[in-house]
N, C-alpha and C. Protein backbone atom coordinates (compact mmCIF):
# COMPACT_ATOMS: atom_id res chain seq x y z
N MET A 1 0.85 -1.18 0.00
CA MET A 1 0.00 0.00 0.00
C MET A 1 0.89 1.24 0.00
N ASN A 2 0.63 2.16 -0.92
CA ASN A 2 1.48 3.34 -1.01
C ASN A 2 1.03 4.43 -0.03
N ALA A 3 1.85 5.46 0.09
CA ALA A 3 1.59 6.54 1.06
C ALA A 3 0.29 7.28 0.75
N GLN A 4 0.01 7.49 -0.54
CA GLN A 4 -1.22 8.20 -0.91
C GLN A 4 -2.44 7.41 -0.46
N CYS A 5 -2.43 6.12 -0.67
CA CYS A 5 -3.55 5.26 -0.28
C CYS A 5 -3.73 5.27 1.24
N ARG A 6 -2.63 5.17 1.97
CA ARG A 6 -2.70 5.21 3.44
C ARG A 6 -3.24 6.55 3.91
N GLY A 7 -2.77 7.63 3.28
CA GLY A 7 -3.23 8.97 3.65
C GLY A 7 -4.72 9.15 3.39
N THR A 8 -5.18 8.63 2.25
CA THR A 8 -6.59 8.74 1.90
C THR A 8 -7.44 7.94 2.88
N ARG A 9 -6.99 6.75 3.24
CA ARG A 9 -7.73 5.93 4.21
C ARG A 9 -7.78 6.61 5.58
N MET A 10 -6.70 7.25 5.97
CA MET A 10 -6.68 7.97 7.24
C MET A 10 -7.71 9.10 7.22
N ILE A 11 -7.77 9.84 6.10
CA ILE A 11 -8.75 10.92 5.96
C ILE A 11 -10.17 10.35 6.05
N GLU A 12 -10.42 9.24 5.39
CA GLU A 12 -11.75 8.63 5.42
C GLU A 12 -12.13 8.22 6.84
N ARG A 13 -11.21 7.58 7.56
CA ARG A 13 -11.49 7.16 8.95
C ARG A 13 -11.74 8.37 9.84
N MET A 14 -10.93 9.39 9.68
CA MET A 14 -11.08 10.59 10.51
C MET A 14 -12.41 11.29 10.21
N THR A 15 -12.80 11.32 8.94
CA THR A 15 -14.05 11.96 8.56
C THR A 15 -15.24 11.24 9.20
N VAL A 16 -15.22 9.92 9.20
CA VAL A 16 -16.28 9.15 9.86
C VAL A 16 -16.31 9.47 11.35
N GLU A 17 -15.15 9.56 11.96
CA GLU A 17 -15.09 9.87 13.39
C GLU A 17 -15.67 11.27 13.66
N VAL A 18 -15.33 12.23 12.85
CA VAL A 18 -15.79 13.61 13.06
C VAL A 18 -17.30 13.73 12.83
N PHE A 19 -17.81 13.08 11.78
CA PHE A 19 -19.23 13.24 11.43
C PHE A 19 -20.14 12.16 11.99
N GLY A 20 -19.58 11.11 12.56
CA GLY A 20 -20.39 10.13 13.27
C GLY A 20 -20.84 8.92 12.49
N ASN A 21 -20.86 8.99 11.16
CA ASN A 21 -21.21 7.80 10.38
C ASN A 21 -20.70 7.95 8.95
N ARG A 22 -20.69 6.84 8.23
CA ARG A 22 -20.12 6.82 6.88
C ARG A 22 -20.91 7.66 5.89
N GLU A 23 -22.23 7.67 6.04
CA GLU A 23 -23.07 8.43 5.10
C GLU A 23 -22.76 9.93 5.19
N LYS A 24 -22.73 10.47 6.39
CA LYS A 24 -22.42 11.89 6.56
C LYS A 24 -20.99 12.19 6.13
N ALA A 25 -20.09 11.29 6.43
CA ALA A 25 -18.69 11.47 6.04
C ALA A 25 -18.56 11.50 4.51
N ALA A 26 -19.21 10.57 3.83
CA ALA A 26 -19.14 10.50 2.38
C ALA A 26 -19.74 11.77 1.75
N ARG A 27 -20.83 12.26 2.32
CA ARG A 27 -21.44 13.48 1.81
C ARG A 27 -20.50 14.66 1.96
N TRP A 28 -19.86 14.79 3.13
CA TRP A 28 -18.93 15.90 3.36
C TRP A 28 -17.74 15.80 2.40
N LEU A 29 -17.20 14.61 2.23
CA LEU A 29 -16.05 14.43 1.35
C LEU A 29 -16.37 14.78 -0.10
N ALA A 30 -17.61 14.57 -0.53
CA ALA A 30 -18.00 14.80 -1.92
C ALA A 30 -18.50 16.21 -2.20
N THR A 31 -18.76 16.98 -1.16
CA THR A 31 -19.36 18.31 -1.32
C THR A 31 -18.31 19.39 -1.37
N TRP A 32 -18.49 20.34 -2.31
CA TRP A 32 -17.57 21.47 -2.43
C TRP A 32 -17.52 22.20 -1.10
N ASN A 33 -16.32 22.56 -0.66
CA ASN A 33 -16.10 23.22 0.63
C ASN A 33 -15.47 24.58 0.38
N ALA A 34 -16.12 25.64 0.87
CA ALA A 34 -15.63 27.00 0.63
C ALA A 34 -14.26 27.24 1.25
N VAL A 35 -14.02 26.71 2.43
CA VAL A 35 -12.73 26.90 3.09
C VAL A 35 -11.62 26.22 2.29
N LEU A 36 -11.89 25.03 1.81
CA LEU A 36 -10.89 24.27 1.06
C LEU A 36 -10.87 24.65 -0.42
N GLU A 37 -11.89 25.37 -0.85
CA GLU A 37 -12.03 25.76 -2.26
C GLU A 37 -12.06 24.55 -3.19
N GLY A 38 -12.78 23.54 -2.77
CA GLY A 38 -12.93 22.33 -3.56
C GLY A 38 -13.55 21.23 -2.72
N ALA A 39 -13.83 20.11 -3.36
CA ALA A 39 -14.36 18.95 -2.63
C ALA A 39 -13.21 18.26 -1.91
N PRO A 40 -13.38 17.96 -0.63
CA PRO A 40 -12.31 17.29 0.12
C PRO A 40 -11.82 16.01 -0.55
N SER A 41 -12.72 15.24 -1.16
CA SER A 41 -12.29 13.99 -1.80
C SER A 41 -11.34 14.26 -2.96
N ALA A 42 -11.55 15.34 -3.70
CA ALA A 42 -10.65 15.68 -4.81
C ALA A 42 -9.31 16.16 -4.27
N LEU A 43 -9.33 16.94 -3.21
CA LEU A 43 -8.08 17.44 -2.63
C LEU A 43 -7.24 16.32 -2.04
N ALA A 44 -7.89 15.27 -1.57
CA ALA A 44 -7.17 14.17 -0.92
C ALA A 44 -6.27 13.39 -1.88
N ALA A 45 -6.30 13.74 -3.15
CA ALA A 45 -5.46 13.05 -4.14
C ALA A 45 -4.00 13.47 -4.05
N THR A 46 -3.72 14.57 -3.36
CA THR A 46 -2.34 15.03 -3.23
C THR A 46 -1.95 15.15 -1.76
N ARG A 47 -0.67 15.13 -1.50
CA ARG A 47 -0.19 15.25 -0.12
C ARG A 47 -0.61 16.58 0.50
N ASP A 48 -0.43 17.68 -0.22
CA ASP A 48 -0.83 18.98 0.31
C ASP A 48 -2.34 19.05 0.52
N GLY A 49 -3.09 18.48 -0.41
CA GLY A 49 -4.54 18.45 -0.27
C GLY A 49 -4.98 17.65 0.94
N ARG A 50 -4.35 16.50 1.17
CA ARG A 50 -4.69 15.68 2.35
C ARG A 50 -4.38 16.45 3.63
N ARG A 51 -3.29 17.20 3.64
CA ARG A 51 -2.95 18.02 4.81
C ARG A 51 -4.03 19.07 5.06
N GLN A 52 -4.49 19.72 3.99
CA GLN A 52 -5.53 20.74 4.13
C GLN A 52 -6.83 20.13 4.65
N VAL A 53 -7.21 18.98 4.10
CA VAL A 53 -8.43 18.31 4.55
C VAL A 53 -8.29 17.88 6.01
N TYR A 54 -7.16 17.32 6.37
CA TYR A 54 -6.89 16.91 7.75
C TYR A 54 -7.03 18.11 8.70
N GLU A 55 -6.42 19.23 8.33
CA GLU A 55 -6.49 20.42 9.19
C GLU A 55 -7.92 20.94 9.31
N GLU A 56 -8.68 20.87 8.24
CA GLU A 56 -10.09 21.30 8.29
C GLU A 56 -10.89 20.36 9.19
N LEU A 57 -10.64 19.07 9.10
CA LEU A 57 -11.34 18.11 9.98
C LEU A 57 -11.01 18.37 11.45
N ILE A 58 -9.77 18.71 11.74
CA ILE A 58 -9.38 19.04 13.12
C ILE A 58 -10.16 20.26 13.60
N ARG A 59 -10.26 21.29 12.74
CA ARG A 59 -11.02 22.50 13.11
C ARG A 59 -12.48 22.16 13.37
N ILE A 60 -13.08 21.35 12.51
CA ILE A 60 -14.48 20.96 12.68
C ILE A 60 -14.64 20.18 13.98
N TYR A 61 -13.76 19.23 14.21
CA TYR A 61 -13.81 18.39 15.41
C TYR A 61 -13.78 19.24 16.69
N HIS A 62 -12.98 20.30 16.65
CA HIS A 62 -12.86 21.17 17.82
C HIS A 62 -13.83 22.33 17.82
N GLY A 63 -14.74 22.36 16.83
CA GLY A 63 -15.78 23.38 16.81
C GLY A 63 -15.33 24.73 16.30
N ASP A 64 -14.21 24.80 15.61
CA ASP A 64 -13.68 26.06 15.10
C ASP A 64 -14.09 26.21 13.64
N PHE A 65 -15.22 26.88 13.42
CA PHE A 65 -15.75 27.02 12.06
C PHE A 65 -15.39 28.34 11.43
N ALA A 66 -14.59 29.17 12.10
CA ALA A 66 -14.24 30.50 11.58
C ALA A 66 -13.25 30.42 10.46
C-alpha cells in the first residue's frame, strides 16, 4: 500500500469519526467546501490536499468554524 492510499484511508477514517457515520462522512467528502475551495475527496489526491483536509477536519472536530 502506497503513502497516498494510506493517507486517503486515514482521511476517510477521521471523517467518519468527526461526522459520526459513513453516510455523513461521504457526503462531506464529496461536497464542495468554501474553506478548502474544492471537494475534500478531490483534494485528498495530493499530499498537500490531504494536509488541508486533515487540518479542516481538526477544526471541525474542535468546533472552530471560523
